[in-house]
Protein backbone atom coordinates (compact mmCIF):
# COMPACT_ATOMS: atom_id res chain seq x y z
CA MET A 1 144.50 162.00 60.36
CA SER A 2 146.07 158.80 58.96
CA ASN A 3 145.46 155.35 60.37
CA HIS A 4 149.01 155.40 61.71
CA ASP A 5 148.25 158.53 63.71
CA ALA A 6 145.62 156.59 65.65
CA VAL A 7 148.12 153.95 66.78
CA VAL A 8 148.90 154.24 70.50
CA PRO A 9 152.68 154.14 71.10
CA HIS A 10 154.24 151.82 73.64
CA GLU A 11 155.99 153.22 76.71
CA ASP A 12 159.38 151.96 75.53
CA TYR A 13 160.95 149.40 73.19
CA GLY A 14 160.73 146.64 75.77
CA PHE A 15 163.51 144.06 75.75
CA PHE A 16 164.41 143.79 72.05
CA GLY A 17 163.75 146.82 69.85
CA PRO A 18 164.21 147.67 66.15
CA ASP A 19 167.85 146.53 66.05
CA SER A 20 167.01 143.04 67.28
CA VAL A 21 166.85 139.97 65.09
CA ALA A 22 163.77 138.93 67.08
CA TRP A 23 161.86 141.90 65.65
CA LYS A 24 163.08 141.11 62.15
CA VAL A 25 161.88 137.50 62.35
CA PHE A 26 158.78 137.83 64.51
CA ARG A 27 157.31 140.73 62.58
CA TYR A 28 157.37 138.79 59.31
CA PRO A 29 153.83 137.55 58.56
CA THR A 30 154.82 133.87 58.81
CA THR A 31 155.16 134.21 62.59
CA LEU A 32 151.63 134.94 63.79
CA SER A 33 150.15 132.49 61.29
CA VAL A 34 151.80 129.21 60.26
CA GLY A 35 154.68 129.75 62.71
CA PHE A 36 152.26 129.93 65.59
CA GLN A 37 150.22 126.98 64.34
CA ARG A 38 153.37 124.85 64.06
CA THR A 39 154.26 125.83 67.63
CA VAL A 40 151.03 124.64 69.22
CA VAL A 41 150.98 121.45 67.14
CA THR A 42 154.55 120.53 68.10
CA GLU A 43 153.90 121.17 71.78
CA MET A 44 151.26 118.45 71.93
CA TYR A 45 153.85 115.68 71.68
CA GLU A 46 155.15 116.33 75.20
CA PRO A 47 153.06 114.02 77.46
CA PHE A 48 152.93 116.24 80.53
CA LEU A 49 151.93 119.30 78.53
CA LEU A 50 149.29 117.24 76.76
CA ALA A 51 147.91 116.10 80.13
CA SER A 52 147.51 119.70 81.25
CA VAL A 53 145.80 120.60 77.97
CA ASN A 54 143.44 117.66 78.36
CA ASP A 55 142.60 118.52 81.95
CA THR A 56 141.94 122.20 81.31
CA GLY A 57 140.06 121.59 78.05
CA ALA A 58 142.01 124.53 76.66
CA VAL A 59 141.87 123.41 73.04
CA SER A 60 138.33 122.07 72.87
CA LYS A 61 136.69 124.96 74.77
CA ARG A 62 136.67 128.33 73.00
CA PRO A 63 139.69 127.62 70.74
CA SER A 64 139.54 131.04 69.05
CA LEU A 65 139.81 132.79 72.43
CA ARG A 66 142.75 130.60 73.39
CA TYR A 67 144.47 131.35 70.10
CA ASP A 68 143.84 135.04 70.54
CA ARG A 69 145.19 135.21 74.08
CA THR A 70 148.20 133.00 73.36
CA LEU A 71 149.15 135.06 70.32
CA GLN A 72 148.78 138.16 72.45
CA TYR A 73 151.19 136.79 75.02
CA MET A 74 153.78 135.67 72.46
CA ALA A 75 153.69 139.07 70.74
CA THR A 76 153.81 140.90 74.07
CA VAL A 77 157.13 139.36 75.11
CA VAL A 78 158.82 140.31 71.83
CA PHE A 79 157.17 143.62 70.95
CA HIS A 80 155.54 145.28 73.97
CA ASP A 81 157.05 147.68 76.48
CA SER A 82 158.87 146.53 79.59
CA ARG A 83 156.03 147.18 82.02
CA SER A 84 153.57 145.16 79.92
CA VAL A 85 155.97 142.22 79.53
CA LEU A 86 156.64 142.02 83.27
CA LYS A 87 152.93 142.18 84.01
CA ALA A 88 152.15 139.43 81.49
CA SER A 89 154.94 137.29 82.93
CA ASP A 90 153.60 137.70 86.45
CA ILE A 91 150.06 136.77 85.37
CA LEU A 92 151.31 133.73 83.49
CA VAL A 93 153.12 132.25 86.48
CA LYS A 94 150.08 132.83 88.70
CA ILE A 95 147.75 131.12 86.21
CA HIS A 96 150.09 128.19 85.69
CA SER A 97 150.34 127.73 89.46
CA LYS A 98 146.73 126.47 89.30
CA ILE A 99 147.45 123.91 86.58
CA THR A 100 148.70 120.75 88.26
CA GLY A 101 147.59 117.15 88.04
CA THR A 102 148.63 113.64 87.08
CA GLU A 103 149.91 112.47 83.70
CA PRO A 104 147.80 109.34 83.10
CA ILE A 105 150.36 107.08 81.39
CA SER A 106 153.25 107.49 83.81
CA GLY A 107 151.17 108.36 86.86
CA LEU A 108 153.61 111.20 87.56
CA ARG A 109 152.55 114.67 88.57
CA TYR A 110 152.65 117.56 86.12
CA ASP A 111 153.05 121.22 86.98
CA ALA A 112 152.57 123.85 84.27
CA ASN A 113 155.25 126.04 85.87
CA ASP A 114 157.84 123.28 85.84
CA PRO A 115 161.03 124.73 84.29
CA GLU A 116 161.41 121.83 81.83
CA ALA A 117 157.80 122.17 80.70
CA GLN A 118 158.24 125.89 80.20
CA LEU A 119 161.50 125.32 78.32
CA TRP A 120 159.70 122.99 75.87
CA ILE A 121 156.98 125.59 75.28
CA HIS A 122 159.48 128.40 74.84
CA LEU A 123 161.84 126.58 72.50
CA THR A 124 159.16 125.08 70.27
CA ALA A 125 157.89 128.64 69.75
CA TRP A 126 161.22 130.26 68.95
CA HIS A 127 162.33 127.35 66.77
CA SER A 128 159.02 127.18 64.88
CA VAL A 129 159.00 130.91 64.27
CA LEU A 130 162.53 130.82 62.85
CA TYR A 131 161.91 127.64 60.86
CA THR A 132 158.79 128.98 59.13
CA TYR A 133 160.53 132.32 58.50
CA GLU A 134 163.27 130.42 56.68
CA LYS A 135 160.96 128.01 54.83
CA PHE A 136 158.19 130.39 53.74
CA GLY A 137 159.87 133.76 54.14
CA PRO A 138 163.17 135.46 53.26
CA GLY A 139 165.33 132.43 54.03
CA LYS A 140 168.33 131.80 56.26
CA LEU A 141 169.71 134.38 58.64
CA THR A 142 173.38 135.28 58.46
CA PRO A 143 175.62 133.50 61.00
CA ALA A 144 175.85 136.70 63.07
CA GLU A 145 172.08 137.16 62.98
CA GLU A 146 171.53 133.57 64.01
CA ASP A 147 173.86 133.95 66.99
CA GLN A 148 171.95 137.06 68.00
CA TYR A 149 168.59 135.34 67.55
CA TRP A 150 169.45 132.52 69.95
CA ALA A 151 170.91 135.00 72.44
CA GLU A 152 167.60 136.86 72.29
CA CYS A 153 165.76 133.56 72.72
CA ALA A 154 167.64 133.14 76.00
CA ARG A 155 166.71 136.69 77.01
CA ALA A 156 163.04 135.98 76.39
CA ALA A 157 163.30 132.83 78.50
CA GLN A 158 163.82 135.06 81.54
CA PHE A 159 160.09 135.82 81.57
CA GLN A 160 159.24 132.19 82.32
CA THR A 161 160.31 129.81 85.07
CA ILE A 162 163.13 128.44 82.91
CA ASP A 163 166.63 127.61 84.10
CA LEU A 164 168.68 129.82 81.77
CA ASP A 165 171.58 127.38 81.74
CA THR A 166 169.35 124.93 79.83
CA VAL A 167 168.48 127.32 76.97
CA PRO A 168 170.23 126.55 73.64
CA ARG A 169 172.48 129.32 72.31
CA SER A 170 172.85 128.01 68.75
CA ARG A 171 171.17 125.86 66.10
CA GLU A 172 173.46 122.98 67.02
CA GLU A 173 172.44 123.21 70.67
CA MET A 174 168.80 123.37 69.59
CA ARG A 175 169.24 120.15 67.59
CA ALA A 176 170.84 118.55 70.64
CA TYR A 177 167.87 119.63 72.75
CA TYR A 178 165.41 118.00 70.33
CA ALA A 179 167.57 114.84 70.30
CA ARG A 180 167.37 114.76 74.10
CA MET A 181 163.62 115.32 74.08
CA ARG A 182 162.69 112.87 71.32
CA PRO A 183 162.72 109.71 73.53
CA ILE A 184 160.42 111.56 75.95
CA LEU A 185 157.89 112.58 73.32
CA ALA A 186 154.88 110.39 72.67
CA ALA A 187 151.58 110.31 70.84
CA THR A 188 148.48 108.81 72.39
CA GLU A 189 145.02 108.89 70.88
CA ALA A 190 144.49 112.19 72.73
CA THR A 191 147.68 113.57 71.16
CA GLN A 192 146.47 112.72 67.68
CA GLN A 193 143.07 114.26 68.36
CA HIS A 194 144.62 117.52 69.53
CA VAL A 195 147.13 117.60 66.67
CA ASP A 196 144.33 117.11 64.16
CA GLN A 197 142.21 119.83 65.74
CA LEU A 198 145.09 122.30 65.93
CA LEU A 199 146.06 121.67 62.30
CA ASP A 200 142.54 122.79 61.37
CA SER A 201 142.40 125.69 63.81
CA ALA A 202 143.31 128.47 61.36
CA SER A 203 139.66 128.70 60.31
CA THR A 204 138.65 129.52 63.90
CA LEU A 205 140.56 132.79 63.64
CA LEU A 206 138.02 134.20 61.19
CA PRO A 207 134.64 135.55 62.29
CA ASP A 208 131.86 132.94 62.28
CA SER A 209 129.95 134.16 59.25
CA PRO A 210 128.24 132.28 56.41
CA VAL A 211 129.72 134.78 53.98
CA LEU A 212 133.26 133.98 55.12
CA TRP A 213 132.75 130.22 55.31
CA PRO A 214 134.49 129.48 51.97
CA VAL A 215 137.43 131.68 52.98
CA ALA A 216 137.63 129.96 56.37
CA LYS A 217 137.67 126.49 54.80
CA LEU A 218 140.32 127.49 52.26
CA THR A 219 142.44 129.04 55.01
CA GLN A 220 142.06 125.90 57.11
CA THR A 221 143.12 123.64 54.24
CA VAL A 222 146.11 125.72 53.15
CA PHE A 223 147.48 126.28 56.65
CA ARG A 224 146.99 122.65 57.56
CA LYS A 225 149.05 121.53 54.57
CA ALA A 226 151.66 124.26 55.16
CA THR A 227 152.12 123.30 58.79
CA ILE A 228 152.40 119.59 57.98
CA ALA A 229 155.05 120.49 55.39
CA THR A 230 157.23 121.81 58.23
CA LEU A 231 156.99 118.70 60.41
CA PRO A 232 159.67 115.97 60.31
CA GLY A 233 158.57 112.53 59.15
CA TRP A 234 158.76 110.92 62.59
CA MET A 235 156.49 113.58 64.05
CA ARG A 236 153.95 113.15 61.26
CA LYS A 237 153.92 109.40 61.85
CA MET A 238 153.47 109.80 65.60
CA GLY A 239 150.72 112.35 65.10
CA GLY A 240 148.84 110.27 62.56
CA VAL A 241 149.09 112.88 59.81
CA HIS A 242 150.14 112.11 56.25
CA GLN A 243 151.11 114.24 53.28
CA SER A 244 153.06 113.58 50.10
CA ALA A 245 156.36 115.21 49.16
CA VAL A 246 154.63 116.70 46.13
CA THR A 247 152.06 118.44 48.34
CA ASP A 248 154.88 119.68 50.58
CA ALA A 249 156.65 121.23 47.58
CA VAL A 250 153.54 122.80 46.06
CA VAL A 251 152.29 124.35 49.30
CA THR A 252 155.78 125.67 50.09
CA VAL A 253 155.99 127.54 46.78
CA ALA A 254 152.46 128.89 47.18
CA MET A 255 153.03 130.06 50.76
CA ARG A 256 156.31 131.77 49.89
CA ALA A 257 154.54 133.79 47.21
CA MET A 258 151.62 134.65 49.49
CA PHE A 259 153.80 135.76 52.39
CA ARG A 260 156.05 137.77 50.08
CA MET A 261 153.05 139.77 48.89
CA LEU A 262 151.65 140.14 52.39
CA ALA A 263 154.98 141.38 53.74
CA GLN A 264 154.94 144.27 51.26
CA SER A 265 151.71 145.72 52.65
CA VAL A 266 151.44 146.97 56.21
CA ALA A 267 147.74 147.65 55.66
CA ALA A 268 147.15 144.04 54.62
CA GLN A 269 149.08 142.70 57.60
CA ARG A 270 147.07 144.89 59.99
CA PHE A 271 143.81 143.75 58.40
CA VAL A 272 144.70 140.06 58.65
CA LEU A 273 145.90 140.44 62.24
CA GLY A 274 142.71 142.27 63.16
CA MET A 275 140.67 139.39 61.80
CA ALA A 276 142.80 136.66 63.37
CA SER A 277 143.73 138.07 66.78
CA PRO A 278 142.10 141.34 67.88
CA LEU A 279 143.89 141.26 71.24
CA THR A 280 147.26 141.22 69.50
CA VAL A 281 146.57 144.30 67.37
CA PRO A 282 147.54 146.97 69.95
CA VAL A 283 150.70 145.01 70.73
CA VAL A 284 151.94 144.74 67.13
CA ASP A 285 150.43 147.85 65.53
CA PRO A 286 153.13 150.26 66.78
CA ILE A 287 155.81 147.98 65.36
CA LEU A 288 154.15 147.47 61.97
CA CYS A 289 153.47 151.21 61.71
CA GLU A 290 156.93 152.15 63.05
CA VAL A 291 155.49 154.36 65.78
CA THR A 292 158.24 155.50 68.12
CA PRO A 293 157.56 154.73 71.80
CA ASP A 294 157.31 157.47 74.40
CA ASN A 295 160.72 156.48 75.75
CA PRO A 296 162.75 154.92 72.90
CA VAL A 297 165.04 152.73 74.99
CA VAL A 298 165.63 148.98 75.20
CA TRP A 299 165.75 147.52 78.71
CA SER A 300 167.55 144.48 80.04
CA PRO A 301 165.38 142.21 82.21
CA GLU A 302 167.59 143.02 85.19
CA GLN A 303 167.20 146.78 84.70
CA ALA A 304 163.44 146.56 84.33
CA ARG A 305 162.96 144.38 87.40
CA ALA A 306 165.09 146.72 89.49
CA HIS A 307 163.16 149.72 88.18
CA TYR A 308 159.69 148.23 88.77
CA GLY A 309 160.63 146.26 91.87
CA VAL A 310 159.43 142.84 90.72
CA GLU A 311 160.86 139.37 91.28
CA THR A 312 161.93 136.92 88.60
CA PRO A 313 159.54 134.12 87.54
CA VAL A 314 161.99 131.64 89.09
CA GLU A 315 161.76 133.45 92.42
CA GLN A 316 157.99 133.78 92.06
CA TYR A 317 157.64 130.06 91.34
CA ALA A 318 159.83 129.12 94.30
CA ARG A 319 157.62 131.21 96.58
CA ILE A 320 154.45 129.64 95.15
CA ARG A 321 155.84 126.14 95.60
CA ALA A 322 156.85 126.85 99.18
CA ALA A 323 153.33 128.07 99.95
CA ARG A 324 151.80 125.07 98.18
CA ASP A 325 153.98 122.62 100.05
CA ALA A 326 153.01 124.24 103.32
CA GLN A 327 149.31 124.01 102.50
CA PRO A 328 148.53 121.38 99.82
CA MET A 329 146.25 122.58 97.05
CA PRO A 330 143.52 120.60 95.28
CA GLU A 331 144.75 118.17 92.66
CA HIS A 332 143.72 120.40 89.78
CA ALA A 333 142.09 123.75 89.31
CA ALA A 334 141.45 124.90 85.75
CA PRO A 335 141.63 128.62 84.92
CA ASP A 336 138.47 130.31 83.80
CA GLY A 337 139.90 131.66 80.56
CA SER A 338 139.77 135.30 81.68
CA GLN A 339 143.54 135.71 81.40
CA PRO A 340 146.12 134.83 78.73
CA LEU A 341 147.55 131.33 78.66
CA LEU A 342 150.82 130.37 77.07
CA ALA A 343 150.34 127.87 74.27
CA PHE A 344 147.11 126.47 75.68
CA GLY A 345 148.88 125.22 78.80
């Protein structure tokens, strides 16, 4: 029996499938490595998200577990079957309902389920994944592929509490979104501490072993430099990170070569994923190994919710807020880490 024979198939293709651009981009090895690292670094510049991260201690406490569970969630939405995605979405909203508090600079209240907060998390992920795919991978998508990618980004947004009318449908709309967000973004001392820690977090994905220590340090250094190479100058300045244009160019060439080799070997990709994120392996394995699901169909979110009889995250959040308003909850209750969190929120 081959290793592929041992892979457990999904129930169905979920919400994207082999003809989607999301599968083409997300399955490239840049995504669950430097693409993911860029995502979590970029997210830290949003003050209300940073406040929730600070209050939960999600980065400083068990960072490898947080990475593992967050990667699992991100991969689930794109690659897993419809039942698993809806379950993960439901769990996420319930967990985020416990993450509320006060942003210390403004004194305003934050809510992890807030649609704008969830939009920032979602878009930084889909933009970072595409950006690193282009920079370190095969390059630009065709215009038709790009249109499809952003349409699929909007489809994925339906599994969070996001107002779909606010989701960009093109690169130009994504640039406009960043332009709107930039005056809101900020970097305190806490921001810089989290950015610095997350830039070095690649080494936490490897087992804690003296034998692997040199590999872990090399991985940490290379991925730190690669991620910085993707950040705009203003974000580097705000985050207190510095890197020369020469280093940017050298690490870009090196990473392109490394990812090109890695992309040619399914066995190598499975090995690296197994080391970095064990929880993500059963989600991605059927896609890497091209194992056909039990029911090879792609669902729409509306079809799946009607079939399984579940509400949308927006409806779920409205119900949670109504209950919370009727009976005020404690200022803040941090999750215990037993369930997946989206981007350390």
